[in-house]
Amino acid sequence: MTTPPSPASERTADAAAERLPPGQYVPRGWPVLHYGRVPDVDLASWDLTVWGATADGSSRRWDWAAFGRLPRTEITADLHCVTKFSVLDNAWTGVSTAVLLREVPPAPSVTSVVVWAEYGYSANMRLEDFASPQALLATAHDGDPLTADHGAPVRLVVPHLYAWKGPKWVRSVEYLVEDRRGFWEERGYHNRADPWREQRYSYQEDPGDGPAL
């Protein structure tokens, strides 16, 4: 005979369901999805650069040791993949995007950023999304260093957007005075990527949501 769920378990399931954007489900484990092969990153030559329309016109570069000296923060947030799975209650540790914005202020005219990763992969977003209090360049997940297939050594996490807006294997951040689509945005994904509005594909865009395709 099947044991019916307890009222407590029903409440837990209901609470989890309320946290899921439209069309999402909770998988078993943390699926691995990415385009192309996993890079073999050498930390001795790794660096992170912030460039583009900076306030003083200069760029800033950190090698792995210097990046490791930047202040660390931890957030707990859900991750929503455009392929419809959501992983709840992730504990991310890393460098807040606010630290980069403080270290390398953008020019007043900056409206957007492009985050660049290995192999030329990129994702664009509004500056306000990149500057979200929960956005960070993550180096660890649930207390353990990121694995290579989940984006080590550094992946961007922007919890209020679909996860493709948070590239794995990040290498640079470019400040823009005019929005420019990233890798998936050029290939039919929505420019804004709000999971609560189910902004998955470019055909759903309203005027002003992004540059012309």
N, C-alpha and C. Protein backbone atom coordinates (compact mmCIF):
# COMPACT_ATOMS: atom_id res chain seq x y z
N MET A 1 0.85 -1.20 0.00
CA MET A 1 0.00 0.00 0.00
C MET A 1 0.88 1.24 0.00
N THR A 2 0.56 2.21 -0.82
CA THR A 2 1.32 3.45 -0.89
C THR A 2 0.98 4.35 0.27
N THR A 3 2.02 4.84 0.95
CA THR A 3 1.81 5.76 2.07
C THR A 3 1.52 7.15 1.56
N PRO A 4 0.42 7.76 1.95
CA PRO A 4 0.13 9.11 1.47
C PRO A 4 1.11 10.11 2.03
N PRO A 5 1.38 11.18 1.31
CA PRO A 5 2.31 12.19 1.82
C PRO A 5 1.78 12.85 3.07
N SER A 6 2.69 13.22 3.95
CA SER A 6 2.30 13.89 5.18
C SER A 6 1.95 15.33 4.90
N PRO A 7 1.16 15.96 5.78
CA PRO A 7 0.86 17.39 5.58
C PRO A 7 2.12 18.24 5.50
N ALA A 8 3.17 17.86 6.27
CA ALA A 8 4.42 18.63 6.24
C ALA A 8 5.09 18.54 4.88
N SER A 9 5.13 17.33 4.31
CA SER A 9 5.76 17.17 3.00
C SER A 9 4.97 17.88 1.92
N GLU A 10 3.63 17.90 2.07
CA GLU A 10 2.81 18.62 1.11
C GLU A 10 3.09 20.11 1.17
N ARG A 11 3.28 20.63 2.39
CA ARG A 11 3.58 22.05 2.53
C ARG A 11 4.93 22.37 1.92
N THR A 12 5.92 21.48 2.12
CA THR A 12 7.24 21.69 1.54
C THR A 12 7.17 21.71 0.01
N ALA A 13 6.41 20.75 -0.55
CA ALA A 13 6.26 20.70 -2.01
C ALA A 13 5.56 21.94 -2.53
N ASP A 14 4.54 22.40 -1.81
CA ASP A 14 3.81 23.59 -2.24
C ASP A 14 4.72 24.82 -2.20
N ALA A 15 5.55 24.92 -1.14
CA ALA A 15 6.45 26.06 -1.02
C ALA A 15 7.46 26.07 -2.16
N ALA A 16 7.98 24.87 -2.52
CA ALA A 16 8.92 24.79 -3.64
C ALA A 16 8.26 25.18 -4.95
N ALA A 17 7.01 24.72 -5.13
CA ALA A 17 6.30 25.03 -6.37
C ALA A 17 6.08 26.53 -6.52
N GLU A 18 5.84 27.21 -5.42
CA GLU A 18 5.62 28.66 -5.48
C GLU A 18 6.87 29.41 -5.92
N ARG A 19 8.04 28.79 -5.76
CA ARG A 19 9.30 29.42 -6.14
C ARG A 19 9.68 29.13 -7.58
N LEU A 20 8.91 28.33 -8.28
CA LEU A 20 9.25 27.97 -9.65
C LEU A 20 8.59 28.93 -10.64
N PRO A 21 9.37 29.52 -11.52
CA PRO A 21 8.78 30.32 -12.59
C PRO A 21 7.92 29.45 -13.50
N PRO A 22 7.09 30.05 -14.34
CA PRO A 22 6.23 29.28 -15.24
C PRO A 22 7.03 28.29 -16.09
N GLY A 23 6.51 27.06 -16.17
CA GLY A 23 7.10 26.05 -17.04
C GLY A 23 8.31 25.34 -16.48
N GLN A 24 8.73 25.65 -15.26
CA GLN A 24 9.94 25.05 -14.69
C GLN A 24 9.61 23.83 -13.82
N TYR A 25 10.60 22.95 -13.63
CA TYR A 25 10.47 21.80 -12.74
C TYR A 25 11.78 21.62 -11.98
N VAL A 26 11.74 20.88 -10.88
CA VAL A 26 12.93 20.60 -10.07
C VAL A 26 13.47 19.23 -10.46
N PRO A 27 14.70 19.16 -10.96
CA PRO A 27 15.26 17.88 -11.38
C PRO A 27 15.92 17.15 -10.22
N ARG A 28 16.36 15.95 -10.47
CA ARG A 28 17.23 15.25 -9.53
C ARG A 28 18.66 15.68 -9.81
N GLY A 29 19.32 16.20 -8.82
CA GLY A 29 20.70 16.63 -9.01
C GLY A 29 20.78 17.96 -9.74
N TRP A 30 21.97 18.23 -10.28
CA TRP A 30 22.26 19.48 -10.97
C TRP A 30 22.73 19.13 -12.38
N PRO A 31 21.85 19.19 -13.38
CA PRO A 31 22.23 18.81 -14.74
C PRO A 31 23.37 19.67 -15.27
N VAL A 32 24.16 19.08 -16.15
CA VAL A 32 25.27 19.79 -16.80
C VAL A 32 24.88 20.10 -18.23
N LEU A 33 24.82 21.39 -18.56
CA LEU A 33 24.51 21.82 -19.91
C LEU A 33 25.45 22.94 -20.31
N HIS A 34 25.99 22.86 -21.50
CA HIS A 34 26.78 23.96 -22.05
C HIS A 34 27.00 23.70 -23.53
N TYR A 35 27.43 24.75 -24.22
CA TYR A 35 27.72 24.64 -25.64
C TYR A 35 29.21 24.39 -25.82
N GLY A 36 29.55 23.36 -26.59
CA GLY A 36 30.96 23.08 -26.86
C GLY A 36 31.62 22.27 -25.75
N ARG A 37 32.92 22.15 -25.85
CA ARG A 37 33.66 21.32 -24.91
C ARG A 37 34.06 22.11 -23.67
N VAL A 38 34.39 21.38 -22.62
CA VAL A 38 34.85 22.00 -21.37
C VAL A 38 36.30 22.43 -21.55
N PRO A 39 36.63 23.69 -21.29
CA PRO A 39 38.01 24.14 -21.48
C PRO A 39 38.95 23.58 -20.41
N ASP A 40 40.17 23.41 -20.78
CA ASP A 40 41.23 23.03 -19.85
C ASP A 40 41.94 24.31 -19.42
N VAL A 41 41.53 24.86 -18.27
CA VAL A 41 41.99 26.17 -17.85
C VAL A 41 43.27 26.04 -17.02
N ASP A 42 44.28 26.80 -17.39
CA ASP A 42 45.54 26.88 -16.64
C ASP A 42 45.50 28.13 -15.78
N LEU A 43 45.39 27.97 -14.46
CA LEU A 43 45.28 29.13 -13.57
C LEU A 43 46.52 30.02 -13.61
N ALA A 44 47.63 29.46 -14.01
CA ALA A 44 48.86 30.27 -14.10
C ALA A 44 48.74 31.34 -15.19
N SER A 45 47.93 31.09 -16.19
CA SER A 45 47.77 32.07 -17.27
C SER A 45 46.37 32.69 -17.29
N TRP A 46 45.51 32.27 -16.38
CA TRP A 46 44.14 32.80 -16.34
C TRP A 46 44.15 34.26 -15.90
N ASP A 47 43.25 35.05 -16.48
CA ASP A 47 43.04 36.42 -16.00
C ASP A 47 41.60 36.82 -16.27
N LEU A 48 41.20 37.90 -15.61
CA LEU A 48 39.88 38.49 -15.79
C LEU A 48 40.08 39.97 -16.09
N THR A 49 39.43 40.47 -17.14
CA THR A 49 39.60 41.86 -17.55
C THR A 49 38.24 42.56 -17.57
N VAL A 50 38.20 43.78 -17.08
CA VAL A 50 37.04 44.66 -17.24
C VAL A 50 37.47 45.78 -18.18
N TRP A 51 36.70 46.00 -19.24
CA TRP A 51 37.13 46.92 -20.28
C TRP A 51 35.90 47.53 -20.96
N GLY A 52 36.12 48.30 -22.01
CA GLY A 52 35.04 48.95 -22.71
C GLY A 52 34.88 50.39 -22.26
N ALA A 53 33.65 50.82 -22.09
CA ALA A 53 33.35 52.21 -21.76
C ALA A 53 33.47 52.43 -20.24
N THR A 54 34.71 52.37 -19.75
CA THR A 54 34.94 52.62 -18.33
C THR A 54 34.97 54.12 -18.07
N ALA A 55 34.82 54.48 -16.80
CA ALA A 55 34.71 55.90 -16.45
C ALA A 55 35.95 56.69 -16.84
N ASP A 56 37.14 56.07 -16.71
CA ASP A 56 38.38 56.80 -17.03
C ASP A 56 39.01 56.34 -18.33
N GLY A 57 38.33 55.45 -19.06
CA GLY A 57 38.84 55.01 -20.35
C GLY A 57 39.87 53.91 -20.29
N SER A 58 40.23 53.46 -19.09
CA SER A 58 41.23 52.40 -18.95
C SER A 58 40.56 51.06 -18.66
N SER A 59 41.33 49.99 -18.80
CA SER A 59 40.85 48.66 -18.45
C SER A 59 41.56 48.19 -17.19
N ARG A 60 41.07 47.10 -16.62
CA ARG A 60 41.68 46.56 -15.40
C ARG A 60 41.74 45.05 -15.53
N ARG A 61 42.87 44.48 -15.14
CA ARG A 61 43.08 43.04 -15.26
C ARG A 61 43.50 42.46 -13.92
N TRP A 62 42.96 41.29 -13.58
CA TRP A 62 43.36 40.54 -12.39
C TRP A 62 43.85 39.16 -12.82
N ASP A 63 45.00 38.74 -12.35
CA ASP A 63 45.37 37.33 -12.52
C ASP A 63 44.68 36.54 -11.41
N TRP A 64 44.89 35.23 -11.39
CA TRP A 64 44.15 34.38 -10.44
C TRP A 64 44.48 34.76 -9.00
N ALA A 65 45.72 35.06 -8.70
CA ALA A 65 46.10 35.42 -7.34
C ALA A 65 45.44 36.73 -6.92
N ALA A 66 45.45 37.72 -7.81
CA ALA A 66 44.84 39.01 -7.50
C ALA A 66 43.32 38.88 -7.37
N PHE A 67 42.72 38.09 -8.23
CA PHE A 67 41.28 37.87 -8.14
C PHE A 67 40.93 37.21 -6.80
N GLY A 68 41.80 36.32 -6.34
CA GLY A 68 41.57 35.65 -5.06
C GLY A 68 41.64 36.58 -3.86
N ARG A 69 42.25 37.74 -4.03
CA ARG A 69 42.34 38.70 -2.93
C ARG A 69 41.16 39.66 -2.87
N LEU A 70 40.29 39.63 -3.88
CA LEU A 70 39.11 40.49 -3.85
C LEU A 70 38.14 40.00 -2.78
N PRO A 71 37.35 40.89 -2.21
CA PRO A 71 36.41 40.49 -1.16
C PRO A 71 35.45 39.42 -1.65
N ARG A 72 35.15 38.47 -0.77
CA ARG A 72 34.25 37.38 -1.09
C ARG A 72 32.89 37.60 -0.43
N THR A 73 31.87 37.08 -1.10
CA THR A 73 30.53 37.12 -0.54
C THR A 73 29.85 35.80 -0.82
N GLU A 74 28.76 35.52 -0.12
CA GLU A 74 28.00 34.29 -0.33
C GLU A 74 26.53 34.64 -0.44
N ILE A 75 25.87 34.02 -1.40
CA ILE A 75 24.43 34.18 -1.55
C ILE A 75 23.80 32.80 -1.63
N THR A 76 22.53 32.73 -1.31
CA THR A 76 21.74 31.52 -1.55
C THR A 76 20.64 31.90 -2.52
N ALA A 77 20.59 31.21 -3.64
CA ALA A 77 19.66 31.60 -4.69
C ALA A 77 19.30 30.40 -5.55
N ASP A 78 18.16 30.49 -6.21
CA ASP A 78 17.73 29.46 -7.14
C ASP A 78 18.32 29.72 -8.52
N LEU A 79 18.50 28.65 -9.28
CA LEU A 79 19.03 28.73 -10.64
C LEU A 79 17.97 28.20 -11.60
N HIS A 80 17.60 29.01 -12.59
CA HIS A 80 16.55 28.64 -13.53
C HIS A 80 17.13 28.53 -14.93
N CYS A 81 17.13 27.34 -15.47
CA CYS A 81 17.66 27.11 -16.82
C CYS A 81 16.53 27.26 -17.84
N VAL A 82 16.85 27.83 -18.99
CA VAL A 82 15.86 28.02 -20.04
C VAL A 82 15.33 26.68 -20.55
N THR A 83 16.07 25.60 -20.35
CA THR A 83 15.60 24.28 -20.75
C THR A 83 14.57 23.71 -19.79
N LYS A 84 14.17 24.51 -18.79
CA LYS A 84 13.01 24.28 -17.92
C LYS A 84 13.31 23.60 -16.59
N PHE A 85 14.56 23.34 -16.25
CA PHE A 85 14.82 22.85 -14.90
C PHE A 85 15.26 24.00 -14.01
N SER A 86 14.95 23.87 -12.72
CA SER A 86 15.36 24.85 -11.71
C SER A 86 16.00 24.11 -10.55
N VAL A 87 17.18 24.54 -10.14
CA VAL A 87 17.87 23.98 -8.97
C VAL A 87 17.73 25.00 -7.84
N LEU A 88 17.11 24.59 -6.74
CA LEU A 88 16.78 25.51 -5.67
C LEU A 88 17.87 25.56 -4.61
N ASP A 89 17.93 26.69 -3.92
CA ASP A 89 18.77 26.86 -2.72
C ASP A 89 20.25 26.58 -2.96
N ASN A 90 20.79 27.12 -4.01
CA ASN A 90 22.24 27.02 -4.26
C ASN A 90 22.98 28.02 -3.38
N ALA A 91 24.01 27.55 -2.70
CA ALA A 91 24.88 28.45 -1.94
C ALA A 91 26.09 28.77 -2.81
N TRP A 92 26.14 29.99 -3.31
CA TRP A 92 27.22 30.42 -4.18
C TRP A 92 28.20 31.29 -3.39
N THR A 93 29.48 31.08 -3.61
CA THR A 93 30.52 31.92 -3.03
C THR A 93 31.35 32.50 -4.17
N GLY A 94 31.67 33.79 -4.06
CA GLY A 94 32.47 34.41 -5.09
C GLY A 94 32.60 35.91 -4.88
N VAL A 95 32.91 36.61 -5.95
CA VAL A 95 33.12 38.06 -5.92
C VAL A 95 31.88 38.74 -6.47
N SER A 96 31.26 39.58 -5.66
CA SER A 96 30.08 40.31 -6.10
C SER A 96 30.41 41.18 -7.31
N THR A 97 29.47 41.28 -8.23
CA THR A 97 29.68 42.19 -9.36
C THR A 97 29.82 43.63 -8.87
N ALA A 98 29.26 43.93 -7.71
CA ALA A 98 29.41 45.28 -7.15
C ALA A 98 30.87 45.62 -6.90
N VAL A 99 31.68 44.60 -6.58
CA VAL A 99 33.11 44.83 -6.37
C VAL A 99 33.77 45.27 -7.67
N LEU A 100 33.46 44.59 -8.76
CA LEU A 100 34.03 44.98 -10.05
C LEU A 100 33.58 46.38 -10.45
N LEU A 101 32.31 46.67 -10.23
CA LEU A 101 31.79 47.99 -10.60
C LEU A 101 32.42 49.09 -9.75
N ARG A 102 32.78 48.75 -8.53
CA ARG A 102 33.47 49.73 -7.68
C ARG A 102 34.93 49.87 -8.09
N GLU A 103 35.58 48.76 -8.40
CA GLU A 103 36.98 48.80 -8.79
C GLU A 103 37.17 49.45 -10.16
N VAL A 104 36.22 49.20 -11.06
CA VAL A 104 36.30 49.76 -12.41
C VAL A 104 34.93 50.37 -12.73
N PRO A 105 34.69 51.61 -12.33
CA PRO A 105 33.39 52.21 -12.57
C PRO A 105 33.10 52.36 -14.06
N PRO A 106 31.86 52.10 -14.46
CA PRO A 106 31.49 52.35 -15.86
C PRO A 106 31.27 53.83 -16.11
N ALA A 107 31.41 54.23 -17.35
CA ALA A 107 31.08 55.60 -17.74
C ALA A 107 29.59 55.85 -17.50
N PRO A 108 29.20 57.09 -17.28
CA PRO A 108 27.79 57.40 -17.04
C PRO A 108 26.87 56.96 -18.18
N SER A 109 27.41 56.86 -19.38
CA SER A 109 26.59 56.51 -20.55
C SER A 109 26.39 55.01 -20.72
N VAL A 110 27.02 54.20 -19.89
CA VAL A 110 26.91 52.74 -20.03
C VAL A 110 25.50 52.27 -19.69
N THR A 111 24.95 51.44 -20.55
CA THR A 111 23.61 50.89 -20.35
C THR A 111 23.60 49.38 -20.21
N SER A 112 24.64 48.73 -20.74
CA SER A 112 24.64 47.27 -20.83
C SER A 112 26.06 46.74 -20.65
N VAL A 113 26.15 45.44 -20.44
CA VAL A 113 27.46 44.78 -20.42
C VAL A 113 27.38 43.52 -21.28
N VAL A 114 28.52 43.10 -21.78
CA VAL A 114 28.69 41.78 -22.36
C VAL A 114 29.71 41.04 -21.50
N VAL A 115 29.34 39.87 -21.04
CA VAL A 115 30.25 39.03 -20.28
C VAL A 115 30.81 37.98 -21.22
N TRP A 116 32.14 37.97 -21.36
CA TRP A 116 32.83 37.09 -22.29
C TRP A 116 33.41 35.90 -21.55
N ALA A 117 33.40 34.75 -22.22
CA ALA A 117 33.91 33.52 -21.63
C ALA A 117 34.86 32.83 -22.61
N GLU A 118 35.38 31.69 -22.20
CA GLU A 118 36.27 30.91 -23.06
C GLU A 118 35.61 30.63 -24.41
N TYR A 119 36.44 30.49 -25.44
CA TYR A 119 36.01 30.17 -26.81
C TYR A 119 35.18 31.28 -27.45
N GLY A 120 35.19 32.49 -26.87
CA GLY A 120 34.45 33.58 -27.46
C GLY A 120 32.97 33.59 -27.13
N TYR A 121 32.51 32.70 -26.24
CA TYR A 121 31.12 32.70 -25.82
C TYR A 121 30.82 34.02 -25.09
N SER A 122 29.58 34.51 -25.21
CA SER A 122 29.24 35.78 -24.57
C SER A 122 27.76 35.81 -24.20
N ALA A 123 27.43 36.65 -23.23
CA ALA A 123 26.04 36.92 -22.86
C ALA A 123 25.93 38.39 -22.51
N ASN A 124 24.89 39.02 -23.01
CA ASN A 124 24.68 40.44 -22.72
C ASN A 124 23.55 40.62 -21.72
N MET A 125 23.54 41.74 -21.04
CA MET A 125 22.47 42.08 -20.11
C MET A 125 22.53 43.56 -19.80
N ARG A 126 21.43 44.07 -19.27
CA ARG A 126 21.41 45.46 -18.85
C ARG A 126 22.37 45.66 -17.68
N LEU A 127 22.91 46.86 -17.58
CA LEU A 127 23.80 47.16 -16.46
C LEU A 127 23.10 46.93 -15.14
N GLU A 128 21.83 47.27 -15.04
CA GLU A 128 21.10 47.08 -13.78
C GLU A 128 20.99 45.61 -13.40
N ASP A 129 20.94 44.73 -14.40
CA ASP A 129 20.91 43.29 -14.10
C ASP A 129 22.28 42.82 -13.60
N PHE A 130 23.33 43.25 -14.27
CA PHE A 130 24.68 42.89 -13.85
C PHE A 130 24.97 43.41 -12.46
N ALA A 131 24.41 44.58 -12.12
CA ALA A 131 24.66 45.21 -10.82
C ALA A 131 23.72 44.73 -9.72
N SER A 132 22.90 43.74 -10.00
CA SER A 132 21.97 43.22 -8.99
C SER A 132 22.71 42.82 -7.72
N PRO A 133 22.15 43.07 -6.53
CA PRO A 133 22.83 42.72 -5.28
C PRO A 133 23.17 41.25 -5.15
N GLN A 134 22.47 40.38 -5.88
CA GLN A 134 22.76 38.95 -5.79
C GLN A 134 23.65 38.44 -6.92
N ALA A 135 24.03 39.29 -7.84
CA ALA A 135 24.89 38.85 -8.94
C ALA A 135 26.33 38.73 -8.47
N LEU A 136 26.98 37.63 -8.83
CA LEU A 136 28.38 37.47 -8.44
C LEU A 136 29.11 36.56 -9.40
N LEU A 137 30.44 36.69 -9.38
CA LEU A 137 31.33 35.80 -10.11
C LEU A 137 31.68 34.67 -9.17
N ALA A 138 31.03 33.54 -9.36
CA ALA A 138 31.11 32.44 -8.41
C ALA A 138 32.34 31.57 -8.65
N THR A 139 32.95 31.16 -7.54
CA THR A 139 34.07 30.22 -7.58
C THR A 139 33.75 28.93 -6.84
N ALA A 140 32.65 28.92 -6.07
CA ALA A 140 32.29 27.74 -5.29
C ALA A 140 30.78 27.59 -5.24
N HIS A 141 30.34 26.34 -5.09
CA HIS A 141 28.91 26.01 -5.03
C HIS A 141 28.69 25.04 -3.89
N ASP A 142 27.80 25.41 -2.98
CA ASP A 142 27.50 24.58 -1.81
C ASP A 142 28.75 24.20 -1.03
N GLY A 143 29.68 25.14 -0.92
CA GLY A 143 30.86 24.96 -0.10
C GLY A 143 32.04 24.30 -0.79
N ASP A 144 31.86 23.83 -2.00
CA ASP A 144 32.94 23.17 -2.73
C ASP A 144 33.33 24.01 -3.96
N PRO A 145 34.62 24.01 -4.32
CA PRO A 145 35.02 24.72 -5.54
C PRO A 145 34.24 24.21 -6.74
N LEU A 146 33.91 25.11 -7.64
CA LEU A 146 33.23 24.69 -8.86
C LEU A 146 34.04 23.63 -9.59
N THR A 147 33.36 22.69 -10.18
CA THR A 147 34.02 21.73 -11.06
C THR A 147 34.10 22.33 -12.46
N ALA A 148 34.96 21.74 -13.28
CA ALA A 148 35.16 22.28 -14.62
C ALA A 148 33.87 22.28 -15.43
N ASP A 149 33.06 21.22 -15.32
CA ASP A 149 31.85 21.16 -16.14
C ASP A 149 30.77 22.12 -15.66
N HIS A 150 30.91 22.63 -14.44
CA HIS A 150 29.97 23.63 -13.95
C HIS A 150 30.56 25.04 -13.98
N GLY A 151 31.70 25.21 -14.67
CA GLY A 151 32.17 26.56 -14.94
C GLY A 151 33.44 27.00 -14.28
N ALA A 152 34.16 26.11 -13.58
CA ALA A 152 35.40 26.50 -12.92
C ALA A 152 36.40 27.04 -13.95
N PRO A 153 37.16 28.05 -13.57
CA PRO A 153 37.28 28.55 -12.20
C PRO A 153 36.25 29.61 -11.80
N VAL A 154 35.61 30.27 -12.77
CA VAL A 154 34.68 31.35 -12.45
C VAL A 154 33.50 31.31 -13.40
N ARG A 155 32.30 31.38 -12.84
CA ARG A 155 31.10 31.54 -13.65
C ARG A 155 30.28 32.69 -13.08
N LEU A 156 29.57 33.38 -13.94
CA LEU A 156 28.69 34.45 -13.50
C LEU A 156 27.36 33.86 -13.06
N VAL A 157 26.83 34.37 -11.96
CA VAL A 157 25.51 33.97 -11.46
C VAL A 157 24.66 35.23 -11.36
N VAL A 158 23.54 35.24 -12.07
CA VAL A 158 22.57 36.34 -12.00
C VAL A 158 21.22 35.67 -11.74
N PRO A 159 20.87 35.44 -10.49
CA PRO A 159 19.75 34.54 -10.17
C PRO A 159 18.40 34.95 -10.73
N HIS A 160 18.17 36.25 -10.97
CA HIS A 160 16.84 36.66 -11.41
C HIS A 160 16.67 36.54 -12.92
N LEU A 161 17.70 36.06 -13.63
CA LEU A 161 17.61 35.82 -15.07
C LEU A 161 17.80 34.34 -15.36
N TYR A 162 17.37 33.89 -16.54
CA TYR A 162 17.67 32.52 -16.94
C TYR A 162 19.18 32.30 -16.92
N ALA A 163 19.57 31.07 -16.65
CA ALA A 163 20.97 30.78 -16.35
C ALA A 163 21.92 30.98 -17.52
N TRP A 164 21.42 31.01 -18.77
CA TRP A 164 22.36 31.24 -19.87
C TRP A 164 22.97 32.64 -19.80
N LYS A 165 22.32 33.54 -19.07
CA LYS A 165 22.88 34.88 -18.88
C LYS A 165 24.06 34.87 -17.91
N GLY A 166 24.31 33.74 -17.29
CA GLY A 166 25.46 33.60 -16.40
C GLY A 166 26.47 32.63 -17.00
N PRO A 167 27.34 33.10 -17.88
CA PRO A 167 28.26 32.19 -18.56
C PRO A 167 29.21 31.46 -17.61
N LYS A 168 29.54 30.24 -17.97
CA LYS A 168 30.64 29.52 -17.33
C LYS A 168 31.96 30.03 -17.91
N TRP A 169 33.05 29.78 -17.17
CA TRP A 169 34.42 30.04 -17.65
C TRP A 169 34.62 31.50 -18.07
N VAL A 170 34.18 32.41 -17.21
CA VAL A 170 34.22 33.85 -17.53
C VAL A 170 35.66 34.34 -17.64
N ARG A 171 35.89 35.25 -18.62
CA ARG A 171 37.21 35.84 -18.80
C ARG A 171 37.21 37.36 -18.85
N SER A 172 36.08 37.99 -19.21
CA SER A 172 36.10 39.45 -19.22
C SER A 172 34.68 40.00 -19.17
N VAL A 173 34.61 41.28 -18.79
CA VAL A 173 33.35 42.03 -18.76
C VAL A 173 33.57 43.31 -19.57
N GLU A 174 32.72 43.52 -20.56
CA GLU A 174 32.81 44.69 -21.43
C GLU A 174 31.64 45.63 -21.15
N TYR A 175 31.93 46.88 -20.85
CA TYR A 175 30.89 47.89 -20.66
C TYR A 175 30.48 48.46 -22.01
N LEU A 176 29.17 48.61 -22.21
CA LEU A 176 28.64 49.08 -23.49
C LEU A 176 27.76 50.32 -23.30
N VAL A 177 27.82 51.23 -24.25
CA VAL A 177 26.91 52.37 -24.24
C VAL A 177 25.69 52.09 -25.12
N GLU A 178 25.73 50.98 -25.83
CA GLU A 178 24.60 50.54 -26.65
C GLU A 178 24.54 49.02 -26.60
N ASP A 179 23.37 48.47 -26.34
CA ASP A 179 23.23 47.03 -26.15
C ASP A 179 23.66 46.26 -27.39
N ARG A 180 24.25 45.10 -27.17
CA ARG A 180 24.67 44.23 -28.26
C ARG A 180 24.41 42.79 -27.85
N ARG A 181 23.75 42.02 -28.70
CA ARG A 181 23.38 40.66 -28.35
C ARG A 181 24.60 39.76 -28.18
N GLY A 182 24.45 38.80 -27.23
CA GLY A 182 25.48 37.81 -27.01
C GLY A 182 25.27 36.56 -27.86
N PHE A 183 25.96 35.50 -27.50
CA PHE A 183 25.98 34.28 -28.31
C PHE A 183 24.58 33.71 -28.53
N TRP A 184 23.86 33.38 -27.45
CA TRP A 184 22.53 32.77 -27.61
C TRP A 184 21.49 33.80 -28.03
N GLU A 185 21.69 35.04 -27.65
CA GLU A 185 20.75 36.08 -28.05
C GLU A 185 20.76 36.29 -29.56
N GLU A 186 21.90 36.06 -30.19
CA GLU A 186 21.98 36.13 -31.65
C GLU A 186 21.38 34.91 -32.32
N ARG A 187 21.13 33.87 -31.54
CA ARG A 187 20.65 32.60 -32.09
C ARG A 187 19.23 32.28 -31.64
N GLY A 188 18.48 33.32 -31.31
CA GLY A 188 17.04 33.12 -31.09
C GLY A 188 16.58 33.15 -29.66
N TYR A 189 17.47 33.40 -28.70
CA TYR A 189 17.03 33.50 -27.31
C TYR A 189 16.67 34.95 -26.98
N HIS A 190 15.79 35.09 -26.01
CA HIS A 190 15.27 36.41 -25.62
C HIS A 190 16.38 37.29 -25.07
N ASN A 191 16.35 38.57 -25.40
CA ASN A 191 17.41 39.48 -24.98
C ASN A 191 17.35 39.80 -23.49
N ARG A 192 16.17 39.73 -22.88
CA ARG A 192 16.02 40.10 -21.46
C ARG A 192 16.11 38.89 -20.52
N ALA A 193 15.43 37.78 -20.85
CA ALA A 193 15.59 36.51 -20.13
C ALA A 193 15.06 36.51 -18.70
N ASP A 194 13.90 37.11 -18.50
CA ASP A 194 13.25 37.07 -17.18
C ASP A 194 12.45 35.77 -17.06
N PRO A 195 12.83 34.84 -16.17
CA PRO A 195 12.11 33.57 -16.08
C PRO A 195 10.68 33.72 -15.60
N TRP A 196 10.40 34.74 -14.80
CA TRP A 196 9.04 34.91 -14.28
C TRP A 196 8.08 35.42 -15.36
N ARG A 197 8.64 36.01 -16.39
CA ARG A 197 7.83 36.41 -17.55
C ARG A 197 7.99 35.40 -18.69
N GLU A 198 8.72 34.33 -18.43
CA GLU A 198 8.98 33.25 -19.39
C GLU A 198 9.51 33.81 -20.71
N GLN A 199 10.51 34.66 -20.59
CA GLN A 199 11.14 35.28 -21.76
C GLN A 199 12.24 34.35 -22.28
N ARG A 200 11.83 33.34 -23.01
CA ARG A 200 12.78 32.32 -23.49
C ARG A 200 13.34 32.66 -24.87
N TYR A 201 12.52 33.12 -25.79
CA TYR A 201 12.91 33.21 -27.20
C TYR A 201 12.69 34.62 -27.75
N SER A 202 13.47 34.94 -28.79
CA SER A 202 13.44 36.30 -29.33
C SER A 202 12.09 36.65 -29.96
N TYR A 203 11.34 35.65 -30.46
CA TYR A 203 10.05 35.98 -31.06
C TYR A 203 9.06 36.50 -30.01
N GLN A 204 9.38 36.32 -28.71
CA GLN A 204 8.52 36.84 -27.65
C GLN A 204 8.85 38.28 -27.28
N GLU A 205 9.88 38.85 -27.87
CA GLU A 205 10.32 40.18 -27.47
C GLU A 205 9.33 41.26 -27.87
N ASP A 206 9.20 42.23 -26.99
CA ASP A 206 8.43 43.44 -27.29
C ASP A 206 9.36 44.49 -27.86
N PRO A 207 8.84 45.49 -28.53
CA PRO A 207 9.71 46.59 -29.01
C PRO A 207 10.49 47.20 -27.85
N GLY A 208 11.77 47.37 -28.08
CA GLY A 208 12.63 47.92 -27.04
C GLY A 208 13.30 46.89 -26.16
N ASP A 209 12.96 45.60 -26.31
CA ASP A 209 13.59 44.57 -25.48
C ASP A 209 15.03 44.29 -25.89
N GLY A 210 15.39 44.63 -27.12
CA GLY A 210 16.74 44.34 -27.55
C GLY A 210 17.04 44.85 -28.94
N PRO A 211 18.33 44.80 -29.33
CA PRO A 211 18.71 45.22 -30.68
C PRO A 211 18.07 44.34 -31.73
N ALA A 212 17.92 44.87 -32.93
CA ALA A 212 17.36 44.11 -34.02
C ALA A 212 18.23 42.90 -34.33
N LEU A 213 17.62 41.79 -34.66
CA LEU A 213 18.35 40.59 -35.04
C LEU A 213 18.80 40.70 -36.51
